[in-house]
Every structure is written in C-alpha cells, then in structure tokens.
N, C-alpha and C. Protein backbone atom coordinates (compact mmCIF):
# COMPACT_ATOMS: atom_id res chain seq x y z
N VAL A 1 8.37 53.63 1.94
CA VAL A 1 8.32 52.40 2.73
C VAL A 1 9.39 52.48 3.82
N GLN A 2 8.98 52.09 5.01
CA GLN A 2 9.93 52.05 6.13
C GLN A 2 9.80 50.72 6.86
N LEU A 3 10.94 50.11 7.16
CA LEU A 3 11.00 48.93 7.98
C LEU A 3 11.93 49.25 9.15
N GLN A 4 11.42 49.19 10.34
CA GLN A 4 12.18 49.53 11.53
C GLN A 4 12.26 48.32 12.44
N ALA A 5 13.46 47.76 12.55
CA ALA A 5 13.68 46.57 13.37
C ALA A 5 14.22 46.95 14.74
N SER A 6 13.89 46.12 15.72
CA SER A 6 14.38 46.35 17.08
C SER A 6 14.42 45.03 17.82
N GLY A 7 15.10 45.03 18.96
CA GLY A 7 15.06 43.88 19.85
C GLY A 7 16.33 43.05 19.94
N GLY A 8 17.34 43.37 19.17
CA GLY A 8 18.58 42.61 19.27
C GLY A 8 19.31 42.88 20.56
N GLY A 9 20.37 42.12 20.78
CA GLY A 9 21.16 42.32 21.99
C GLY A 9 22.02 41.11 22.30
N LEU A 10 22.56 41.13 23.51
CA LEU A 10 23.42 40.04 23.98
C LEU A 10 22.62 39.14 24.90
N VAL A 11 22.71 37.84 24.67
CA VAL A 11 21.99 36.87 25.49
C VAL A 11 22.86 35.65 25.68
N GLN A 12 22.68 34.98 26.81
CA GLN A 12 23.45 33.77 27.07
C GLN A 12 22.85 32.58 26.32
N PRO A 13 23.65 31.59 26.03
CA PRO A 13 23.12 30.38 25.41
C PRO A 13 21.95 29.81 26.22
N GLY A 14 20.91 29.41 25.50
CA GLY A 14 19.71 28.91 26.16
C GLY A 14 18.69 29.99 26.46
N GLY A 15 19.08 31.23 26.28
CA GLY A 15 18.19 32.34 26.56
C GLY A 15 17.24 32.65 25.41
N SER A 16 16.48 33.72 25.58
CA SER A 16 15.46 34.12 24.60
C SER A 16 15.59 35.59 24.26
N LEU A 17 15.19 35.90 23.05
CA LEU A 17 15.07 37.28 22.59
C LEU A 17 13.87 37.36 21.67
N ARG A 18 13.30 38.56 21.60
CA ARG A 18 12.20 38.80 20.67
C ARG A 18 12.56 39.97 19.78
N LEU A 19 12.58 39.73 18.48
CA LEU A 19 12.81 40.78 17.50
C LEU A 19 11.47 41.26 16.96
N SER A 20 11.40 42.56 16.71
CA SER A 20 10.19 43.13 16.13
C SER A 20 10.56 44.02 14.95
N CYS A 21 9.65 44.10 14.01
CA CYS A 21 9.86 44.94 12.83
C CYS A 21 8.54 45.59 12.47
N ALA A 22 8.56 46.90 12.36
CA ALA A 22 7.38 47.66 11.96
C ALA A 22 7.55 48.08 10.51
N ALA A 23 6.62 47.66 9.67
CA ALA A 23 6.68 47.98 8.24
C ALA A 23 5.51 48.89 7.89
N SER A 24 5.80 49.97 7.21
CA SER A 24 4.74 50.91 6.85
C SER A 24 5.02 51.51 5.48
N GLY A 25 4.00 52.10 4.89
CA GLY A 25 4.16 52.81 3.64
C GLY A 25 3.70 52.07 2.41
N SER A 26 3.26 50.85 2.57
CA SER A 26 2.78 50.09 1.41
C SER A 26 1.97 48.89 1.91
N VAL A 27 1.61 48.05 0.96
CA VAL A 27 0.91 46.81 1.30
C VAL A 27 1.85 45.66 0.98
N PHE A 28 1.97 44.75 1.92
CA PHE A 28 2.97 43.70 1.80
C PHE A 28 2.33 42.33 1.76
N SER A 29 2.95 41.44 0.99
CA SER A 29 2.50 40.06 0.99
C SER A 29 3.32 39.33 2.05
N SER A 30 4.34 38.57 1.65
CA SER A 30 5.13 37.86 2.66
C SER A 30 6.11 38.79 3.37
N MET A 31 6.39 38.44 4.61
CA MET A 31 7.37 39.17 5.41
C MET A 31 8.25 38.13 6.10
N GLY A 32 9.44 38.55 6.46
CA GLY A 32 10.30 37.55 7.07
C GLY A 32 11.53 38.13 7.72
N TRP A 33 12.34 37.21 8.20
CA TRP A 33 13.61 37.54 8.83
C TRP A 33 14.72 36.73 8.18
N TYR A 34 15.79 37.43 7.87
CA TYR A 34 17.01 36.80 7.40
C TYR A 34 18.11 37.12 8.40
N ARG A 35 19.21 36.40 8.30
CA ARG A 35 20.35 36.71 9.15
C ARG A 35 21.64 36.51 8.39
N GLN A 36 22.67 37.21 8.83
CA GLN A 36 23.98 37.09 8.22
C GLN A 36 25.04 37.12 9.30
N ALA A 37 25.74 36.02 9.42
CA ALA A 37 26.86 35.93 10.36
C ALA A 37 28.15 36.33 9.64
N PRO A 38 29.15 36.76 10.38
CA PRO A 38 30.41 37.17 9.75
C PRO A 38 30.98 36.06 8.88
N GLY A 39 31.31 36.41 7.64
CA GLY A 39 31.89 35.45 6.72
C GLY A 39 30.89 34.56 6.03
N ASN A 40 29.62 34.70 6.37
CA ASN A 40 28.58 33.85 5.77
C ASN A 40 27.66 34.66 4.87
N GLU A 41 26.94 33.96 4.03
CA GLU A 41 25.94 34.61 3.21
C GLU A 41 24.67 34.83 4.03
N ARG A 42 23.88 35.78 3.58
CA ARG A 42 22.61 36.02 4.23
C ARG A 42 21.69 34.82 3.99
N GLU A 43 21.01 34.38 5.04
CA GLU A 43 20.16 33.22 4.92
C GLU A 43 18.78 33.49 5.51
N LEU A 44 17.80 32.79 4.96
CA LEU A 44 16.44 32.90 5.47
C LEU A 44 16.35 32.24 6.83
N VAL A 45 15.70 32.94 7.77
CA VAL A 45 15.44 32.37 9.09
C VAL A 45 13.99 31.91 9.15
N ALA A 46 13.07 32.82 8.83
CA ALA A 46 11.65 32.50 8.88
C ALA A 46 10.90 33.47 7.99
N ARG A 47 9.75 33.00 7.51
CA ARG A 47 8.93 33.82 6.62
C ARG A 47 7.47 33.54 6.95
N ILE A 48 6.64 34.55 6.76
CA ILE A 48 5.21 34.40 7.00
C ILE A 48 4.44 35.10 5.90
N SER A 49 3.46 34.42 5.35
CA SER A 49 2.67 34.99 4.27
C SER A 49 1.59 35.90 4.83
N SER A 50 0.90 36.59 3.95
CA SER A 50 -0.18 37.46 4.39
C SER A 50 -1.30 36.66 5.04
N GLY A 51 -1.40 35.39 4.66
CA GLY A 51 -2.42 34.53 5.25
C GLY A 51 -1.98 33.79 6.48
N GLY A 52 -0.71 33.98 6.86
CA GLY A 52 -0.22 33.36 8.08
C GLY A 52 0.54 32.06 7.91
N THR A 53 0.78 31.65 6.68
CA THR A 53 1.57 30.44 6.46
C THR A 53 3.04 30.73 6.77
N THR A 54 3.65 29.86 7.54
CA THR A 54 5.02 30.10 7.98
C THR A 54 6.01 29.10 7.39
N THR A 55 7.23 29.57 7.23
CA THR A 55 8.35 28.74 6.76
C THR A 55 9.55 29.04 7.65
N TYR A 56 10.25 27.98 8.03
CA TYR A 56 11.42 28.14 8.90
C TYR A 56 12.63 27.42 8.33
N ALA A 57 13.79 27.98 8.60
CA ALA A 57 15.02 27.25 8.31
C ALA A 57 15.10 26.05 9.24
N ASP A 58 15.66 24.97 8.75
CA ASP A 58 15.75 23.76 9.57
C ASP A 58 16.48 24.02 10.89
N SER A 59 17.44 24.90 10.84
CA SER A 59 18.27 25.15 12.02
C SER A 59 17.52 25.83 13.16
N VAL A 60 16.35 26.41 12.87
CA VAL A 60 15.62 27.14 13.91
C VAL A 60 14.26 26.54 14.21
N LYS A 61 13.87 25.51 13.49
CA LYS A 61 12.56 24.89 13.72
C LYS A 61 12.45 24.40 15.15
N GLY A 62 11.31 24.70 15.76
CA GLY A 62 11.09 24.29 17.14
C GLY A 62 11.64 25.26 18.16
N ARG A 63 12.45 26.21 17.72
CA ARG A 63 13.03 27.19 18.65
C ARG A 63 12.54 28.61 18.37
N PHE A 64 12.33 28.93 17.11
CA PHE A 64 11.91 30.27 16.72
C PHE A 64 10.46 30.25 16.26
N THR A 65 9.76 31.36 16.52
CA THR A 65 8.38 31.50 16.06
C THR A 65 8.20 32.88 15.45
N ILE A 66 7.71 32.90 14.22
CA ILE A 66 7.43 34.16 13.56
C ILE A 66 5.94 34.45 13.64
N SER A 67 5.60 35.71 13.83
CA SER A 67 4.20 36.10 13.89
C SER A 67 4.02 37.44 13.21
N ARG A 68 2.77 37.74 12.92
CA ARG A 68 2.48 38.94 12.14
C ARG A 68 1.19 39.57 12.65
N ASP A 69 1.18 40.89 12.72
CA ASP A 69 0.01 41.64 13.15
C ASP A 69 -0.27 42.71 12.10
N ASN A 70 -1.36 42.52 11.36
CA ASN A 70 -1.69 43.44 10.26
C ASN A 70 -2.59 44.55 10.78
N ALA A 71 -1.97 45.61 11.25
CA ALA A 71 -2.72 46.78 11.70
C ALA A 71 -3.08 47.63 10.48
N LYS A 72 -3.76 48.76 10.70
CA LYS A 72 -4.28 49.56 9.60
C LYS A 72 -3.17 50.14 8.72
N ASN A 73 -2.20 50.78 9.32
CA ASN A 73 -1.16 51.46 8.55
C ASN A 73 0.23 50.85 8.73
N THR A 74 0.41 50.04 9.73
CA THR A 74 1.70 49.45 10.03
C THR A 74 1.55 47.96 10.28
N VAL A 75 2.39 47.18 9.64
CA VAL A 75 2.40 45.74 9.85
C VAL A 75 3.57 45.40 10.76
N MET A 76 3.31 44.67 11.80
CA MET A 76 4.36 44.23 12.72
C MET A 76 4.66 42.76 12.47
N VAL A 77 5.93 42.47 12.29
CA VAL A 77 6.35 41.07 12.21
C VAL A 77 7.37 40.84 13.32
N SER A 78 7.15 39.80 14.09
CA SER A 78 8.00 39.51 15.23
C SER A 78 8.64 38.14 15.10
N LEU A 79 9.77 38.00 15.73
CA LEU A 79 10.47 36.71 15.75
C LEU A 79 10.83 36.41 17.20
N GLN A 80 10.13 35.44 17.77
CA GLN A 80 10.44 34.98 19.12
C GLN A 80 11.50 33.90 19.02
N MET A 81 12.64 34.14 19.65
CA MET A 81 13.77 33.23 19.56
C MET A 81 14.04 32.63 20.94
N ASN A 82 13.87 31.33 21.06
CA ASN A 82 14.10 30.62 22.31
C ASN A 82 15.25 29.64 22.15
N SER A 83 15.76 29.18 23.26
CA SER A 83 16.85 28.20 23.26
C SER A 83 17.98 28.63 22.33
N LEU A 84 18.38 29.86 22.47
CA LEU A 84 19.38 30.41 21.56
C LEU A 84 20.72 29.72 21.72
N LYS A 85 21.41 29.61 20.59
CA LYS A 85 22.71 28.96 20.53
C LYS A 85 23.76 29.95 20.03
N PRO A 86 25.01 29.74 20.34
CA PRO A 86 26.05 30.65 19.82
C PRO A 86 26.02 30.77 18.29
N GLU A 87 25.63 29.72 17.61
CA GLU A 87 25.58 29.79 16.14
C GLU A 87 24.41 30.62 15.62
N ASP A 88 23.54 31.08 16.51
CA ASP A 88 22.49 32.01 16.10
C ASP A 88 23.01 33.45 16.05
N THR A 89 24.22 33.66 16.49
CA THR A 89 24.80 35.00 16.46
C THR A 89 24.90 35.51 15.03
N ALA A 90 24.31 36.67 14.79
CA ALA A 90 24.28 37.23 13.44
C ALA A 90 23.59 38.59 13.49
N VAL A 91 23.67 39.29 12.39
CA VAL A 91 22.82 40.46 12.19
C VAL A 91 21.53 39.96 11.55
N TYR A 92 20.41 40.33 12.15
CA TYR A 92 19.11 39.88 11.67
C TYR A 92 18.42 41.04 10.94
N TYR A 93 17.88 40.70 9.78
CA TYR A 93 17.23 41.69 8.93
C TYR A 93 15.77 41.30 8.71
N CYS A 94 14.88 42.25 8.85
CA CYS A 94 13.50 41.97 8.47
C CYS A 94 13.31 42.38 7.01
N THR A 95 12.40 41.73 6.36
CA THR A 95 12.12 41.99 4.96
C THR A 95 10.63 41.93 4.71
N ALA A 96 10.18 42.71 3.75
CA ALA A 96 8.77 42.74 3.39
C ALA A 96 8.66 42.84 1.88
N ARG A 97 7.81 42.01 1.33
CA ARG A 97 7.64 41.96 -0.13
C ARG A 97 6.41 42.76 -0.54
N HIS A 98 6.60 43.65 -1.51
CA HIS A 98 5.48 44.44 -2.01
C HIS A 98 4.46 43.53 -2.68
N ILE A 99 3.21 43.75 -2.40
CA ILE A 99 2.15 42.83 -2.81
C ILE A 99 1.98 42.77 -4.32
N TYR A 100 2.31 43.85 -5.04
CA TYR A 100 2.10 43.87 -6.49
C TYR A 100 3.41 43.71 -7.27
N SER A 101 4.45 44.39 -6.89
CA SER A 101 5.70 44.36 -7.64
C SER A 101 6.62 43.22 -7.24
N ASN A 102 6.37 42.61 -6.06
CA ASN A 102 7.25 41.57 -5.50
C ASN A 102 8.63 42.10 -5.13
N TYR A 103 8.77 43.40 -5.08
CA TYR A 103 10.04 43.97 -4.64
C TYR A 103 10.20 43.74 -3.15
N ASN A 104 11.42 43.35 -2.75
CA ASN A 104 11.69 43.08 -1.34
C ASN A 104 12.35 44.29 -0.67
N TYR A 105 11.70 44.80 0.33
CA TYR A 105 12.25 45.89 1.13
C TYR A 105 12.97 45.27 2.34
N TRP A 106 14.03 45.97 2.78
CA TRP A 106 14.85 45.46 3.88
C TRP A 106 14.95 46.49 5.00
N GLY A 107 14.93 46.00 6.23
CA GLY A 107 15.20 46.84 7.38
C GLY A 107 16.69 47.01 7.58
N GLN A 108 17.05 47.74 8.62
CA GLN A 108 18.45 48.13 8.80
C GLN A 108 19.29 47.07 9.48
N GLY A 109 18.70 46.04 10.01
CA GLY A 109 19.49 45.00 10.67
C GLY A 109 19.63 45.26 12.16
N THR A 110 19.55 44.18 12.93
CA THR A 110 19.75 44.29 14.37
C THR A 110 20.63 43.12 14.81
N LEU A 111 21.62 43.41 15.62
CA LEU A 111 22.62 42.41 16.00
C LEU A 111 22.15 41.56 17.17
N VAL A 112 22.25 40.26 16.98
CA VAL A 112 21.97 39.29 18.05
C VAL A 112 23.27 38.56 18.34
N THR A 113 23.69 38.61 19.59
CA THR A 113 24.90 37.93 20.02
C THR A 113 24.55 36.95 21.13
N VAL A 114 24.88 35.69 20.88
CA VAL A 114 24.63 34.64 21.87
C VAL A 114 25.97 34.17 22.40
N SER A 115 26.23 34.52 23.64
CA SER A 115 27.54 34.23 24.21
C SER A 115 27.46 34.23 25.73
N SER A 116 28.27 33.40 26.33
CA SER A 116 28.35 33.38 27.79
C SER A 116 29.47 34.29 28.28
C-alpha cells in the first residue's frame, strides 16, 4: 500500500491550497485528512466514505472540501482549502482505511503554512 500526498506550501491568510493524495495497493473504505500542529495532537480535518459521505471538523466547515476519485488502481483524495487562517498551519496527513481489516494507512505528511 502506498499513500503519496502533495500540495502543501506557504500561503497568505485568506488564500487557498489544494492537497492531493494518491492511494494504491489495496481497496479502501473511508479516506481522509488529519493534521497536526506543533505541540498539538493529531486531529481529524475531513473524511469521505466510499459512497461519498463527508465529515468535517467544525473548524473547517464551509472552508474546506474533501473529494474522492475512485480510479481503477489508484484512489485520489483531495482537500480543497479556502479562506485559510494562520491556525490552519500544520502538517497534513492523508489516511486510508482498508476495506476488510479496518487498518488505517497513513501518508508521509505535507506541511501547510499560513502566514503573511
């Protein structure tokens, strides 16, 4: 199983970024994005089921949108982040849950920095 995340970077407050994660090597049920800021615990940002049902943290509702594209061998999960705030600064991790074992696979993390 491989999860390859991309799209992080530096953006000014109010700006936008799009994170993408390519997951391959198995069949996945829910997929999502977590984030961890320095000194904080890792927290759920958004999650999407295989059927497209989405869940968002209250802090990102209305600003972030998670989407999923189930291709033949690779599943893409993206996180469109708008109206970014300095408190969104964190390392963002994509995750994918194995459809049978419920084991959660993690990507390598991508840094998002929101600063002027």
